[in-house]
Amino acid sequence: MARSGFNQRELDKWAKGLVKGMNKGLERAARQNPSRVPVTFEGSTAVSGGGSLESTAHLVRLLLWLDTHAQQRPGATADVAQFVEELQLESEDPKVLALQLEQRGLVNISRGFTDATDVFLSDEGHLAVRQLKNLQKDRAARLRHTIDAFLYWLYDTAGDQTPVDPALFLTTLGSYFAGAEISAAELHQALAHLAENTLIEDIDTDPATVAITPQGVSCVLAGGSVQDHTNQRNPGNNITFHIGENTGNIAANSRDFTMAATTNKDGIDPAAVVMLARALRQAAPVLELPEDEAIEFAQLATRLENEAAGGSPDPGRLQRWGSSVLSILNSPVVSGALGSVLAAYTGAVLPGLPSA
């Protein structure tokens, strides 16, 4: 029997119960399907820029595989067909994978070979590998991906609200982020978040199962992220940012949204910087930035938050990253009042930044 509501104690108890049943579910899934099976969902499109590299599991794993090969055999080409064979990806065409990485400027293909599957990393590829390895350590980004990927997978698997063992998600490509596997503990956190926001419900079965709710279906059909859905307070295009007590008219001349903010006139307030960073990350999907700038914008917000929350923030770093945020907000790619308000908010929280 499904529970229609949760308090925090029930939520924690339920999520812990799911973890206990995961090992059995994983063992059963491993026996039925030894390799992780492909899924159509490739990550959080609203958060990571719509099919961005870190959420495209096969390409990321290939890129990291090529990096390992380059370390073991410097200067030698690597055959993408070998990667496909090792991972038992029968449905993947090695030539297509190579071309996809070449189009992104991440590899160079040795054209002298008939199948054109012998490649080596470009300078951009080496840089991308480094960025991916750093991204793997971003706990917030990993959790956001897990939340979105699980809900989309659940909809594709059982959109009719049929109960499903959540551990099966860990056998899919959606359970990779930036080439690294999502852990059972991270899935546990994602399930608790989804249940708390009534996007999924637990079903009293053995092992424990979950089903998508009508709210969860609506979230998926909207095409955005779970964060978009839970942050949406009003219908239509109205957006509300709740960021502390309003001490100034930061949202002057804005339309269709309100913002409350706390600033410190005596200098940089770390708590205010944390709230600014979260507001920037929350607003990123609405700004509709190009993919590269959307990724950079989200990374800058994360850097600001981590630096401010670290206990002894470096004002120079905050100023530098804040200037980069302003450069994006004041660029021609951002239009409308939201960009102007965020720029004003950034300037208020980080005084002394250039206005453009």
Protein backbone atom coordinates (compact mmCIF):
# COMPACT_ATOMS: atom_id res chain seq x y z
CA MET A 1 0.00 0.00 0.00
CA ALA A 2 1.40 3.41 -0.97
CA ARG A 3 1.79 6.22 1.51
CA SER A 4 0.42 9.53 0.30
CA GLY A 5 2.52 11.76 2.58
CA PHE A 6 5.85 11.80 4.40
CA ASN A 7 7.24 13.38 7.52
CA GLN A 8 11.03 13.54 7.91
CA ARG A 9 11.24 10.52 10.22
CA GLU A 10 9.15 8.38 7.87
CA LEU A 11 11.19 9.62 4.91
CA ASP A 12 14.51 8.68 6.50
CA LYS A 13 13.18 5.29 7.59
CA TRP A 14 11.82 4.56 4.13
CA ALA A 15 15.01 5.62 2.33
CA LYS A 16 17.18 3.53 4.65
CA GLY A 17 14.90 0.57 4.01
CA LEU A 18 15.46 0.97 0.28
CA VAL A 19 19.21 0.86 0.74
CA LYS A 20 18.95 -2.44 2.63
CA GLY A 21 17.13 -3.98 -0.31
CA MET A 22 19.45 -2.57 -2.96
CA ASN A 23 22.20 -5.14 -2.66
CA LYS A 24 19.77 -7.97 -3.35
CA GLY A 25 18.30 -6.03 -6.24
CA LEU A 26 21.71 -5.30 -7.72
CA GLU A 27 22.79 -8.93 -7.43
CA ARG A 28 19.61 -10.02 -9.16
CA ALA A 29 20.04 -7.40 -11.90
CA ALA A 30 23.69 -8.35 -12.39
CA ARG A 31 22.75 -11.99 -12.92
CA GLN A 32 20.08 -11.03 -15.44
CA ASN A 33 22.18 -8.41 -17.24
CA PRO A 34 25.93 -8.45 -16.56
CA SER A 35 26.66 -5.19 -18.42
CA ARG A 36 25.01 -1.86 -17.81
CA VAL A 37 22.26 -1.40 -20.35
CA PRO A 38 21.74 1.77 -22.41
CA VAL A 39 18.92 4.17 -21.63
CA THR A 40 17.56 6.99 -23.76
CA PHE A 41 17.96 9.62 -21.05
CA GLU A 42 21.37 11.30 -21.21
CA GLY A 43 21.28 13.50 -18.16
CA SER A 44 19.76 16.68 -16.85
CA THR A 45 19.32 18.77 -19.98
CA ALA A 46 18.31 21.91 -18.13
CA VAL A 47 21.18 21.74 -15.66
CA SER A 48 24.02 20.50 -17.82
CA GLY A 49 23.24 22.22 -21.06
CA GLY A 50 21.29 19.64 -23.03
CA GLY A 51 23.36 16.60 -23.91
CA SER A 52 26.60 18.16 -22.62
CA LEU A 53 29.68 15.97 -22.54
CA GLU A 54 29.60 15.07 -18.85
CA SER A 55 26.08 13.64 -19.17
CA THR A 56 26.73 11.60 -22.36
CA ALA A 57 27.89 8.38 -20.76
CA HIS A 58 29.48 6.51 -23.68
CA LEU A 59 31.46 9.50 -24.94
CA VAL A 60 32.72 10.38 -21.48
CA ARG A 61 33.79 6.83 -20.72
CA LEU A 62 35.51 6.66 -24.12
CA LEU A 63 37.32 9.94 -23.41
CA LEU A 64 38.56 8.67 -20.05
CA TRP A 65 39.52 5.35 -21.65
CA LEU A 66 41.58 7.22 -24.24
CA ASP A 67 43.29 9.16 -21.46
CA THR A 68 44.27 5.91 -19.73
CA HIS A 69 45.55 4.55 -23.05
CA ALA A 70 47.59 7.73 -23.63
CA GLN A 71 49.22 7.39 -20.21
CA GLN A 72 50.10 3.76 -20.86
CA ARG A 73 51.26 4.28 -24.45
CA PRO A 74 52.27 7.92 -24.97
CA GLY A 75 52.14 9.03 -28.60
CA ALA A 76 50.29 5.93 -29.84
CA THR A 77 46.81 5.93 -31.35
CA ALA A 78 43.99 3.98 -29.74
CA ASP A 79 41.36 1.93 -31.57
CA VAL A 80 37.82 2.90 -30.54
CA ALA A 81 36.68 -0.55 -31.70
CA GLN A 82 38.70 -2.01 -28.82
CA PHE A 83 36.79 0.22 -26.37
CA VAL A 84 33.46 -0.98 -27.79
CA GLU A 85 34.59 -4.60 -27.53
CA GLU A 86 35.88 -4.27 -23.95
CA LEU A 87 32.63 -2.72 -22.72
CA GLN A 88 30.47 -5.05 -24.82
CA LEU A 89 28.68 -2.16 -26.52
CA GLU A 90 27.39 -4.15 -29.47
CA SER A 91 24.88 -1.46 -30.41
CA GLU A 92 27.54 1.25 -30.75
CA ASP A 93 29.41 2.01 -33.98
CA PRO A 94 33.10 2.75 -33.19
CA LYS A 95 33.38 5.06 -36.20
CA VAL A 96 30.39 7.10 -35.08
CA LEU A 97 31.80 7.44 -31.56
CA ALA A 98 35.12 8.60 -32.98
CA LEU A 99 33.40 11.13 -35.23
CA GLN A 100 31.33 12.47 -32.35
CA LEU A 101 34.46 13.17 -30.32
CA GLU A 102 36.19 14.64 -33.37
CA GLN A 103 33.27 17.01 -33.96
CA ARG A 104 33.73 18.28 -30.42
CA GLY A 105 37.42 18.84 -31.08
CA LEU A 106 38.44 16.28 -28.45
CA VAL A 107 40.28 13.76 -30.64
CA ASN A 108 42.10 13.57 -33.94
CA ILE A 109 41.36 10.62 -36.22
CA SER A 110 44.11 8.82 -38.11
CA ARG A 111 42.61 8.95 -41.60
CA GLY A 112 45.09 6.47 -43.02
CA PHE A 113 43.05 3.60 -41.55
CA THR A 114 40.05 2.30 -43.48
CA ASP A 115 37.60 2.26 -40.60
CA ALA A 116 38.82 5.59 -39.20
CA THR A 117 38.55 4.36 -35.63
CA ASP A 118 42.17 4.95 -34.60
CA VAL A 119 42.31 8.19 -32.65
CA PHE A 120 44.44 10.18 -30.21
CA LEU A 121 43.43 12.91 -27.78
CA SER A 122 43.75 16.52 -28.89
CA ASP A 123 44.87 19.28 -26.52
CA GLU A 124 41.21 20.08 -25.97
CA GLY A 125 40.61 16.41 -25.17
CA HIS A 126 43.29 16.38 -22.49
CA LEU A 127 41.78 19.52 -20.96
CA ALA A 128 38.28 17.98 -21.08
CA VAL A 129 39.54 14.88 -19.24
CA ARG A 130 40.95 17.07 -16.49
CA GLN A 131 37.68 18.99 -16.21
CA LEU A 132 35.68 15.75 -16.07
CA LYS A 133 37.84 14.35 -13.28
CA ASN A 134 37.32 17.56 -11.32
CA LEU A 135 33.59 17.46 -12.04
CA GLN A 136 33.38 13.93 -10.64
CA LYS A 137 34.23 15.45 -7.24
CA ASP A 138 31.34 17.96 -7.37
CA ARG A 139 28.90 16.33 -4.94
CA ALA A 140 26.09 18.77 -5.65
CA ALA A 141 26.32 18.25 -9.42
CA ARG A 142 26.41 14.48 -8.95
CA LEU A 143 23.27 14.57 -6.80
CA ARG A 144 21.40 16.87 -9.20
CA HIS A 145 22.22 14.49 -12.04
CA THR A 146 21.13 11.45 -10.02
CA ILE A 147 17.81 13.05 -9.09
CA ASP A 148 17.01 14.00 -12.68
CA ALA A 149 18.35 10.82 -14.27
CA PHE A 150 16.42 8.55 -11.91
CA LEU A 151 13.10 10.34 -12.44
CA TYR A 152 13.46 10.30 -16.22
CA TRP A 153 14.49 6.64 -16.12
CA LEU A 154 11.51 5.80 -13.90
CA TYR A 155 9.16 7.54 -16.32
CA ASP A 156 10.65 5.68 -19.32
CA THR A 157 10.57 2.38 -17.44
CA ALA A 158 7.17 2.64 -15.75
CA GLY A 159 5.39 5.86 -16.66
CA ASP A 160 2.08 4.13 -15.90
CA GLN A 161 2.98 4.16 -12.18
CA THR A 162 3.94 0.47 -12.09
CA PRO A 163 6.15 -0.22 -9.02
CA VAL A 164 9.85 -0.66 -9.90
CA ASP A 165 12.89 -1.75 -7.91
CA PRO A 166 14.98 1.47 -7.73
CA ALA A 167 18.22 -0.53 -7.55
CA LEU A 168 17.77 -1.41 -11.23
CA PHE A 169 18.65 2.19 -12.06
CA LEU A 170 22.22 1.42 -11.01
CA THR A 171 22.51 -0.97 -13.98
CA THR A 172 21.86 1.80 -16.53
CA LEU A 173 24.03 4.41 -18.23
CA GLY A 174 22.05 7.10 -16.43
CA SER A 175 23.84 6.05 -13.26
CA TYR A 176 27.09 7.49 -14.57
CA PHE A 177 28.07 11.12 -14.11
CA ALA A 178 31.18 12.54 -15.77
CA GLY A 179 32.27 8.95 -16.35
CA ALA A 180 32.03 7.92 -12.69
CA GLU A 181 29.45 5.54 -11.26
CA ILE A 182 26.71 6.87 -9.00
CA SER A 183 26.79 5.11 -5.61
CA ALA A 184 23.90 3.48 -3.77
CA ALA A 185 24.23 6.18 -1.09
CA GLU A 186 23.79 8.92 -3.73
CA LEU A 187 20.74 7.12 -5.10
CA HIS A 188 19.42 6.95 -1.54
CA GLN A 189 19.70 10.75 -1.27
CA ALA A 190 18.03 11.23 -4.64
CA LEU A 191 15.11 8.97 -3.69
CA ALA A 192 14.58 10.86 -0.44
CA HIS A 193 14.54 14.18 -2.31
CA LEU A 194 12.10 12.94 -4.94
CA ALA A 195 9.79 11.45 -2.32
CA GLU A 196 9.89 14.61 -0.21
CA ASN A 197 8.71 16.58 -3.24
CA THR A 198 6.00 13.95 -4.02
CA LEU A 199 7.51 13.08 -7.41
CA ILE A 200 7.75 9.41 -6.46
CA GLU A 201 6.07 7.26 -3.80
CA ASP A 202 7.19 4.13 -2.04
CA ILE A 203 5.21 0.93 -2.42
CA ASP A 204 5.16 -1.55 0.46
CA THR A 205 6.69 -4.56 -1.26
CA ASP A 206 9.63 -6.86 -0.61
CA PRO A 207 12.08 -5.70 -1.85
CA ALA A 208 10.94 -2.10 -1.58
CA THR A 209 9.76 -0.52 -4.82
CA VAL A 210 8.82 2.96 -5.97
CA ALA A 211 6.35 4.39 -8.47
CA ILE A 212 6.25 7.73 -10.24
CA THR A 213 3.45 10.05 -9.13
CA PRO A 214 1.30 12.30 -11.36
CA GLN A 215 3.47 15.21 -10.19
CA GLY A 216 6.54 13.27 -11.28
CA VAL A 217 5.03 12.65 -14.70
CA SER A 218 4.24 16.36 -15.05
CA CYS A 219 7.82 17.22 -14.13
CA VAL A 220 9.21 14.92 -16.83
CA LEU A 221 6.76 16.12 -19.48
CA ALA A 222 7.76 19.72 -18.76
CA GLY A 223 11.19 18.78 -20.09
CA GLY A 224 13.21 20.55 -17.40
CA SER A 225 15.03 19.45 -14.29
CA VAL A 226 13.59 18.48 -10.94
CA GLN A 227 15.14 21.63 -9.53
CA ASP A 228 13.19 23.71 -12.08
CA HIS A 229 9.99 21.97 -11.03
CA THR A 230 10.47 22.35 -7.27
CA ASN A 231 11.61 25.98 -7.56
CA GLN A 232 8.61 27.01 -9.61
CA ARG A 233 6.30 28.79 -7.16
CA ASN A 234 3.81 30.45 -9.51
CA PRO A 235 2.17 29.44 -12.81
CA GLY A 236 3.38 30.76 -16.16
CA ASN A 237 6.72 32.55 -16.33
CA ASN A 238 6.68 34.04 -12.84
CA ILE A 239 9.80 33.11 -10.90
CA THR A 240 10.43 33.85 -7.22
CA PHE A 241 13.83 33.73 -5.57
CA HIS A 242 13.67 33.46 -1.75
CA ILE A 243 17.08 34.64 -0.58
CA GLY A 244 16.83 36.12 2.88
CA GLU A 245 15.64 39.54 3.96
CA ASN A 246 15.36 42.32 1.38
CA THR A 247 17.43 45.34 2.42
CA GLY A 248 17.34 47.18 -0.89
CA ASN A 249 15.39 47.59 -4.11
CA ILE A 250 17.56 45.16 -6.06
CA ALA A 251 14.69 44.05 -8.31
CA ALA A 252 13.86 47.55 -9.53
CA ASN A 253 12.62 47.73 -13.14
CA SER A 254 12.26 43.94 -13.29
CA ARG A 255 9.27 42.00 -14.58
CA ASP A 256 7.65 38.63 -13.92
CA PHE A 257 9.68 37.75 -10.85
CA THR A 258 10.65 38.94 -7.40
CA MET A 259 13.90 38.63 -5.48
CA ALA A 260 14.68 39.21 -1.83
CA ALA A 261 18.34 39.52 -0.87
CA THR A 262 20.58 40.27 2.06
CA THR A 263 23.65 42.47 1.57
CA ASN A 264 26.39 43.68 3.87
CA LYS A 265 27.40 47.29 3.32
CA ASP A 266 30.57 46.87 5.39
CA GLY A 267 32.16 44.39 2.96
CA ILE A 268 31.76 40.89 1.61
CA ASP A 269 29.36 38.73 3.62
CA PRO A 270 30.15 35.00 3.06
CA ALA A 271 26.56 33.99 3.82
CA ALA A 272 25.31 36.46 1.22
CA VAL A 273 27.78 35.09 -1.32
CA VAL A 274 26.46 31.57 -0.73
CA MET A 275 22.91 32.79 -1.34
CA LEU A 276 24.05 34.66 -4.45
CA ALA A 277 25.70 31.53 -5.83
CA ARG A 278 22.56 29.49 -5.28
CA ALA A 279 20.44 32.16 -6.95
CA LEU A 280 22.77 32.18 -9.96
CA ARG A 281 22.62 28.39 -10.26
CA GLN A 282 18.82 28.45 -9.87
CA ALA A 283 18.48 31.08 -12.60
CA ALA A 284 20.89 29.46 -15.06
CA PRO A 285 18.25 27.42 -16.98
CA VAL A 286 16.04 30.48 -17.37
CA LEU A 287 18.84 32.56 -18.91
CA GLU A 288 18.99 30.13 -21.88
CA LEU A 289 22.74 30.53 -22.28
CA PRO A 290 24.71 28.74 -25.02
CA GLU A 291 25.97 25.36 -23.84
CA ASP A 292 29.58 26.40 -23.17
CA GLU A 293 28.60 29.54 -21.28
CA ALA A 294 25.90 27.68 -19.32
CA ILE A 295 28.52 25.21 -18.09
CA GLU A 296 30.95 28.01 -17.22
CA PHE A 297 28.18 29.97 -15.45
CA ALA A 298 27.24 26.98 -13.29
CA GLN A 299 30.88 26.27 -12.47
CA LEU A 300 31.45 29.89 -11.43
CA ALA A 301 28.43 29.73 -9.12
CA THR A 302 29.75 26.52 -7.55
CA ARG A 303 33.20 28.07 -7.04
CA LEU A 304 31.67 31.12 -5.36
CA GLU A 305 29.60 28.95 -3.04
CA ASN A 306 32.45 26.61 -2.13
CA GLU A 307 34.85 29.48 -1.48
CA ALA A 308 32.36 31.40 0.66
CA ALA A 309 31.33 28.32 2.61
CA GLY A 310 34.91 27.29 3.30
CA GLY A 311 35.30 29.46 6.41
CA SER A 312 38.05 31.81 5.19
CA PRO A 313 37.04 33.03 1.72
CA ASP A 314 39.67 34.71 -0.43
CA PRO A 315 38.26 38.13 -1.49
CA GLY A 316 40.48 38.10 -4.58
CA ARG A 317 39.00 34.84 -5.83
CA LEU A 318 35.47 35.99 -5.12
CA GLN A 319 36.10 39.24 -6.99
CA ARG A 320 37.64 37.40 -9.96
CA TRP A 321 34.84 34.87 -10.27
CA GLY A 322 32.24 37.56 -9.66
CA SER A 323 33.71 39.59 -12.52
CA SER A 324 33.39 36.55 -14.80
CA VAL A 325 29.75 36.15 -13.75
CA LEU A 326 29.10 39.80 -14.60
CA SER A 327 30.79 39.39 -17.97
CA ILE A 328 28.29 36.67 -18.86
CA LEU A 329 25.27 38.49 -17.41
CA ASN A 330 26.17 41.68 -19.27
CA SER A 331 26.92 39.91 -22.56
CA PRO A 332 24.58 40.10 -25.59
CA VAL A 333 23.55 36.45 -25.13
CA VAL A 334 21.58 37.40 -22.00
CA SER A 335 18.45 39.45 -22.56
CA GLY A 336 15.56 40.52 -20.36
CA ALA A 337 15.25 41.82 -16.85
CA LEU A 338 16.50 38.70 -15.07
CA GLY A 339 20.07 39.17 -16.28
CA SER A 340 20.05 42.82 -15.18
CA VAL A 341 18.70 41.98 -11.74
CA LEU A 342 21.23 39.20 -11.22
CA ALA A 343 24.02 41.56 -12.29
CA ALA A 344 22.80 44.16 -9.79
CA TYR A 345 22.54 41.53 -7.08
CA THR A 346 26.07 40.30 -7.81
CA GLY A 347 27.40 43.85 -7.60
CA ALA A 348 25.60 44.40 -4.30
CA VAL A 349 26.94 41.23 -2.69
CA LEU A 350 30.47 41.65 -4.14
CA PRO A 351 31.09 45.43 -4.01
CA GLY A 352 33.76 46.91 -6.21
CA LEU A 353 33.10 44.80 -9.31
CA PRO A 354 33.05 46.55 -12.70
CA SER A 355 29.56 47.29 -14.03
CA ALA A 356 30.26 45.75 -17.43
